[in-house]
């Protein structure tokens, strides 16, 4: 049995999982923006006293700031759906596939950058519930950020390599 058939099946499975992830991410973010309270970890980082209740507009603004990095992850998932669909159709070594891989890497890097900018702004906005003089701006970098930067960079390099390989494959098809 050729490797193409299992690859096509796996591509369909992964495409389906990416679609499910898109739906779940949208539902969870929607709930975070419109329904849930500010998470306790964020309240603690902003120094908000337990008895303080954020007004709905304030809470929604904090949640919207937290949702911005998720937009980049949604973009990555959409690119994955499109890439896996191409793989399922038997398209592998093409410039279109290479572009999807490049876009996945760029999306991962954008998600990290947005997280690094939005999280401190989210803490600062949440801390506006505190009286003047007790407002907070906290900047953090986590180990997972480095991993995501490396993964994004790897995907970009693979995408560039795939573009070169796709061009060479197209040239070779022209000679045959």
C-alpha atoms as a PDB file:
ATOM      1  CA  UNK A   1       0.000   0.000   0.000  1.00  0.00           C
ATOM      2  CA  UNK A   2       1.341   3.428  -0.890  1.00  0.00           C
ATOM      3  CA  UNK A   3       1.968   6.062   1.746  1.00  0.00           C
ATOM      4  CA  UNK A   4      -0.444   8.363  -0.086  1.00  0.00           C
ATOM      5  CA  UNK A   5      -3.638   6.645   1.089  1.00  0.00           C
ATOM      6  CA  UNK A   6      -2.891   6.814   4.858  1.00  0.00           C
ATOM      7  CA  UNK A   7      -1.655  10.392   4.403  1.00  0.00           C
ATOM      8  CA  UNK A   8      -4.952  11.363   2.780  1.00  0.00           C
ATOM      9  CA  UNK A   9      -6.940   9.701   5.580  1.00  0.00           C
ATOM     10  CA  UNK A  10      -4.870  11.401   8.276  1.00  0.00           C
ATOM     11  CA  UNK A  11      -5.220  14.717   6.471  1.00  0.00           C
ATOM     12  CA  UNK A  12      -9.020  14.356   6.581  1.00  0.00           C
ATOM     13  CA  UNK A  13      -8.925  13.455  10.278  1.00  0.00           C
ATOM     14  CA  UNK A  14      -6.653  16.405  11.081  1.00  0.00           C
ATOM     15  CA  UNK A  15      -8.786  18.718   8.956  1.00  0.00           C
ATOM     16  CA  UNK A  16     -11.847  17.644  10.948  1.00  0.00           C
ATOM     17  CA  UNK A  17     -10.024  18.188  14.250  1.00  0.00           C
ATOM     18  CA  UNK A  18      -8.962  21.670  13.132  1.00  0.00           C
ATOM     19  CA  UNK A  19     -12.583  22.516  12.229  1.00  0.00           C
ATOM     20  CA  UNK A  20     -13.728  21.292  15.660  1.00  0.00           C
ATOM     21  CA  UNK A  21     -10.973  23.374  17.285  1.00  0.00           C
ATOM     22  CA  UNK A  22     -12.203  26.467  15.399  1.00  0.00           C
ATOM     23  CA  UNK A  23     -15.763  25.931  16.631  1.00  0.00           C
ATOM     24  CA  UNK A  24     -14.659  25.267  20.231  1.00  0.00           C
ATOM     25  CA  UNK A  25     -12.318  28.270  20.253  1.00  0.00           C
ATOM     26  CA  UNK A  26     -15.085  30.566  18.953  1.00  0.00           C
ATOM     27  CA  UNK A  27     -17.601  29.299  21.527  1.00  0.00           C
ATOM     28  CA  UNK A  28     -15.152  29.565  24.432  1.00  0.00           C
ATOM     29  CA  UNK A  29     -14.064  33.064  23.404  1.00  0.00           C
ATOM     30  CA  UNK A  30     -17.669  34.136  22.960  1.00  0.00           C
ATOM     31  CA  UNK A  31     -18.484  32.932  26.460  1.00  0.00           C
ATOM     32  CA  UNK A  32     -15.371  34.625  27.849  1.00  0.00           C
ATOM     33  CA  UNK A  33     -16.365  37.938  26.292  1.00  0.00           C
ATOM     34  CA  UNK A  34     -20.095  37.976  26.967  1.00  0.00           C
ATOM     35  CA  UNK A  35     -20.778  35.699  29.935  1.00  0.00           C
ATOM     36  CA  UNK A  36     -17.958  34.844  32.318  1.00  0.00           C
ATOM     37  CA  UNK A  37     -16.262  36.922  34.970  1.00  0.00           C
ATOM     38  CA  UNK A  38     -12.627  38.002  34.865  1.00  0.00           C
ATOM     39  CA  UNK A  39     -10.497  34.953  35.785  1.00  0.00           C
ATOM     40  CA  UNK A  40      -9.108  34.928  39.320  1.00  0.00           C
ATOM     41  CA  UNK A  41      -5.495  34.796  38.098  1.00  0.00           C
ATOM     42  CA  UNK A  42      -6.070  38.007  36.150  1.00  0.00           C
ATOM     43  CA  UNK A  43      -7.808  39.639  39.130  1.00  0.00           C
ATOM     44  CA  UNK A  44      -4.827  38.681  41.297  1.00  0.00           C
ATOM     45  CA  UNK A  45      -2.308  40.038  38.748  1.00  0.00           C
ATOM     46  CA  UNK A  46      -4.259  43.305  38.573  1.00  0.00           C
ATOM     47  CA  UNK A  47      -4.511  43.506  42.377  1.00  0.00           C
ATOM     48  CA  UNK A  48      -8.316  43.662  42.329  1.00  0.00           C
ATOM     49  CA  UNK A  49      -9.840  43.096  45.767  1.00  0.00           C
ATOM     50  CA  UNK A  50     -12.288  40.146  46.013  1.00  0.00           C
ATOM     51  CA  UNK A  51     -15.221  42.432  46.877  1.00  0.00           C
ATOM     52  CA  UNK A  52     -14.742  44.596  43.747  1.00  0.00           C
ATOM     53  CA  UNK A  53     -17.097  43.807  40.867  1.00  0.00           C
ATOM     54  CA  UNK A  54     -16.182  44.972  37.385  1.00  0.00           C
ATOM     55  CA  UNK A  55     -18.927  46.688  35.413  1.00  0.00           C
ATOM     56  CA  UNK A  56     -20.107  44.714  32.338  1.00  0.00           C
ATOM     57  CA  UNK A  57     -18.433  47.092  29.845  1.00  0.00           C
ATOM     58  CA  UNK A  58     -15.174  47.042  31.803  1.00  0.00           C
ATOM     59  CA  UNK A  59     -15.238  43.242  32.052  1.00  0.00           C
ATOM     60  CA  UNK A  60     -16.021  42.949  28.325  1.00  0.00           C
ATOM     61  CA  UNK A  61     -13.102  45.242  27.442  1.00  0.00           C
ATOM     62  CA  UNK A  62     -10.733  43.100  29.495  1.00  0.00           C
ATOM     63  CA  UNK A  63     -12.076  39.964  27.793  1.00  0.00           C
ATOM     64  CA  UNK A  64     -11.783  41.494  24.306  1.00  0.00           C
ATOM     65  CA  UNK A  65      -8.128  42.313  24.902  1.00  0.00           C
ATOM     66  CA  UNK A  66      -7.590  38.693  25.924  1.00  0.00           C
ATOM     67  CA  UNK A  67      -9.338  37.506  22.764  1.00  0.00           C
ATOM     68  CA  UNK A  68      -7.000  39.273  20.337  1.00  0.00           C
ATOM     69  CA  UNK A  69      -4.275  36.580  20.414  1.00  0.00           C
ATOM     70  CA  UNK A  70      -6.995  34.021  19.718  1.00  0.00           C
ATOM     71  CA  UNK A  71      -7.666  35.723  16.375  1.00  0.00           C
ATOM     72  CA  UNK A  72      -4.158  34.755  15.282  1.00  0.00           C
ATOM     73  CA  UNK A  73      -4.776  31.179  16.441  1.00  0.00           C
ATOM     74  CA  UNK A  74      -8.041  31.113  14.476  1.00  0.00           C
ATOM     75  CA  UNK A  75      -6.069  32.228  11.423  1.00  0.00           C
ATOM     76  CA  UNK A  76      -3.579  29.385  12.025  1.00  0.00           C
ATOM     77  CA  UNK A  77      -6.425  26.872  12.319  1.00  0.00           C
ATOM     78  CA  UNK A  78      -8.052  28.100   9.096  1.00  0.00           C
ATOM     79  CA  UNK A  79      -4.708  27.739   7.314  1.00  0.00           C
ATOM     80  CA  UNK A  80      -4.420  24.204   8.724  1.00  0.00           C
ATOM     81  CA  UNK A  81      -7.905  23.304   7.475  1.00  0.00           C
ATOM     82  CA  UNK A  82      -6.965  24.503   3.989  1.00  0.00           C
ATOM     83  CA  UNK A  83      -3.594  22.722   4.051  1.00  0.00           C
ATOM     84  CA  UNK A  84      -5.077  19.438   5.252  1.00  0.00           C
ATOM     85  CA  UNK A  85      -7.783  19.688   2.576  1.00  0.00           C
ATOM     86  CA  UNK A  86      -5.086  20.015  -0.082  1.00  0.00           C
ATOM     87  CA  UNK A  87      -3.246  17.017   1.382  1.00  0.00           C
ATOM     88  CA  UNK A  88      -6.482  14.995   1.435  1.00  0.00           C
ATOM     89  CA  UNK A  89      -6.935  15.782  -2.254  1.00  0.00           C
ATOM     90  CA  UNK A  90      -3.428  14.451  -2.957  1.00  0.00           C
ATOM     91  CA  UNK A  91      -1.783  17.853  -3.400  1.00  0.00           C
ATOM     92  CA  UNK A  92       1.467  17.896  -1.472  1.00  0.00           C
ATOM     93  CA  UNK A  93       4.515  19.457  -3.074  1.00  0.00           C
ATOM     94  CA  UNK A  94       2.997  22.693  -4.373  1.00  0.00           C
ATOM     95  CA  UNK A  95       3.523  26.388  -3.803  1.00  0.00           C
ATOM     96  CA  UNK A  96      -0.012  26.618  -2.383  1.00  0.00           C
ATOM     97  CA  UNK A  97       0.841  24.083   0.340  1.00  0.00           C
ATOM     98  CA  UNK A  98       4.094  25.926   1.045  1.00  0.00           C
ATOM     99  CA  UNK A  99       2.162  29.200   1.418  1.00  0.00           C
ATOM    100  CA  UNK A 100      -0.186  27.595   3.949  1.00  0.00           C
ATOM    101  CA  UNK A 101       2.810  26.369   5.952  1.00  0.00           C
ATOM    102  CA  UNK A 102       4.383  29.850   5.842  1.00  0.00           C
ATOM    103  CA  UNK A 103       1.095  31.398   6.984  1.00  0.00           C
ATOM    104  CA  UNK A 104       0.812  28.889   9.840  1.00  0.00           C
ATOM    105  CA  UNK A 105       4.285  29.885  11.051  1.00  0.00           C
ATOM    106  CA  UNK A 106       3.529  33.598  10.728  1.00  0.00           C
ATOM    107  CA  UNK A 107       0.246  33.109  12.598  1.00  0.00           C
ATOM    108  CA  UNK A 108       1.998  31.337  15.455  1.00  0.00           C
ATOM    109  CA  UNK A 109       4.501  34.186  15.734  1.00  0.00           C
ATOM    110  CA  UNK A 110       1.688  36.749  15.589  1.00  0.00           C
ATOM    111  CA  UNK A 111      -0.173  34.924  18.374  1.00  0.00           C
ATOM    112  CA  UNK A 112       2.889  35.123  20.647  1.00  0.00           C
ATOM    113  CA  UNK A 113       3.449  38.794  19.823  1.00  0.00           C
ATOM    114  CA  UNK A 114      -0.213  39.622  20.470  1.00  0.00           C
ATOM    115  CA  UNK A 115      -0.160  37.695  23.739  1.00  0.00           C
ATOM    116  CA  UNK A 116       2.957  39.513  24.899  1.00  0.00           C
ATOM    117  CA  UNK A 117       1.318  42.877  24.151  1.00  0.00           C
ATOM    118  CA  UNK A 118      -2.293  42.151  25.089  1.00  0.00           C
ATOM    119  CA  UNK A 119      -1.762  40.382  28.419  1.00  0.00           C
ATOM    120  CA  UNK A 120      -0.052  43.345  30.124  1.00  0.00           C
ATOM    121  CA  UNK A 121      -2.664  45.687  28.625  1.00  0.00           C
ATOM    122  CA  UNK A 122      -5.390  43.358  29.886  1.00  0.00           C
ATOM    123  CA  UNK A 123      -3.943  43.472  33.412  1.00  0.00           C
ATOM    124  CA  UNK A 124      -3.621  47.244  33.218  1.00  0.00           C
ATOM    125  CA  UNK A 125      -7.215  47.657  31.995  1.00  0.00           C
ATOM    126  CA  UNK A 126      -8.515  45.307  34.704  1.00  0.00           C
ATOM    127  CA  UNK A 127      -6.589  47.269  37.333  1.00  0.00           C
ATOM    128  CA  UNK A 128      -8.595  50.403  36.480  1.00  0.00           C
ATOM    129  CA  UNK A 129     -11.145  48.909  38.898  1.00  0.00           C
ATOM    130  CA  UNK A 130      -8.637  49.823  41.614  1.00  0.00           C
ATOM    131  CA  UNK A 131      -8.406  53.324  43.060  1.00  0.00           C
ATOM    132  CA  UNK A 132      -5.767  55.691  41.612  1.00  0.00           C
ATOM    133  CA  UNK A 133      -2.311  54.730  42.824  1.00  0.00           C
ATOM    134  CA  UNK A 134      -3.213  51.023  42.958  1.00  0.00           C
ATOM    135  CA  UNK A 135      -3.251  50.389  39.223  1.00  0.00           C
ATOM    136  CA  UNK A 136      -0.898  47.786  37.788  1.00  0.00           C
ATOM    137  CA  UNK A 137       1.077  47.057  34.635  1.00  0.00           C
ATOM    138  CA  UNK A 138       2.679  43.605  34.739  1.00  0.00           C
ATOM    139  CA  UNK A 139       4.841  42.154  31.989  1.00  0.00           C
ATOM    140  CA  UNK A 140       5.533  38.424  31.874  1.00  0.00           C
ATOM    141  CA  UNK A 141       7.229  36.030  29.487  1.00  0.00           C
ATOM    142  CA  UNK A 142       6.499  32.333  29.809  1.00  0.00           C
ATOM    143  CA  UNK A 143       8.414  29.276  28.643  1.00  0.00           C
ATOM    144  CA  UNK A 144       5.576  28.307  26.331  1.00  0.00           C
ATOM    145  CA  UNK A 145       6.089  31.571  24.462  1.00  0.00           C
ATOM    146  CA  UNK A 146       9.625  30.511  23.512  1.00  0.00           C
ATOM    147  CA  UNK A 147       8.344  27.143  22.325  1.00  0.00           C
ATOM    148  CA  UNK A 148       5.684  28.786  20.192  1.00  0.00           C
ATOM    149  CA  UNK A 149       8.229  31.231  18.716  1.00  0.00           C
ATOM    150  CA  UNK A 150      10.492  28.309  17.814  1.00  0.00           C
ATOM    151  CA  UNK A 151       7.573  26.339  16.329  1.00  0.00           C
ATOM    152  CA  UNK A 152       6.458  29.355  14.301  1.00  0.00           C
ATOM    153  CA  UNK A 153       9.991  29.996  13.085  1.00  0.00           C
ATOM    154  CA  UNK A 154      10.379  26.329  12.154  1.00  0.00           C
ATOM    155  CA  UNK A 155       7.136  26.419  10.146  1.00  0.00           C
ATOM    156  CA  UNK A 156       8.325  29.517   8.275  1.00  0.00           C
ATOM    157  CA  UNK A 157      11.657  27.882   7.397  1.00  0.00           C
ATOM    158  CA  UNK A 158       9.859  24.700   6.289  1.00  0.00           C
ATOM    159  CA  UNK A 159       7.486  26.839   4.212  1.00  0.00           C
ATOM    160  CA  UNK A 160      10.396  28.563   2.459  1.00  0.00           C
ATOM    161  CA  UNK A 161      12.042  25.197   1.826  1.00  0.00           C
ATOM    162  CA  UNK A 162       8.759  23.795   0.495  1.00  0.00           C
ATOM    163  CA  UNK A 163       8.425  26.767  -1.885  1.00  0.00           C
ATOM    164  CA  UNK A 164      11.866  26.040  -3.329  1.00  0.00           C
ATOM    165  CA  UNK A 165      11.106  22.325  -3.583  1.00  0.00           C
ATOM    166  CA  UNK A 166       7.734  23.012  -5.237  1.00  0.00           C
ATOM    167  CA  UNK A 167       9.388  25.275  -7.820  1.00  0.00           C
ATOM    168  CA  UNK A 168      11.986  22.601  -8.586  1.00  0.00           C
ATOM    169  CA  UNK A 169       9.299  19.928  -8.834  1.00  0.00           C
ATOM    170  CA  UNK A 170       7.317  22.108 -11.259  1.00  0.00           C
ATOM    171  CA  UNK A 171      10.443  22.652 -13.374  1.00  0.00           C
ATOM    172  CA  UNK A 172      11.084  18.892 -13.404  1.00  0.00           C
ATOM    173  CA  UNK A 173       7.491  18.217 -14.470  1.00  0.00           C
ATOM    174  CA  UNK A 174       8.114  20.573 -17.400  1.00  0.00           C
ATOM    175  CA  UNK A 175      11.068  18.458 -18.565  1.00  0.00           C
ATOM    176  CA  UNK A 176       9.186  15.163 -18.493  1.00  0.00           C
END
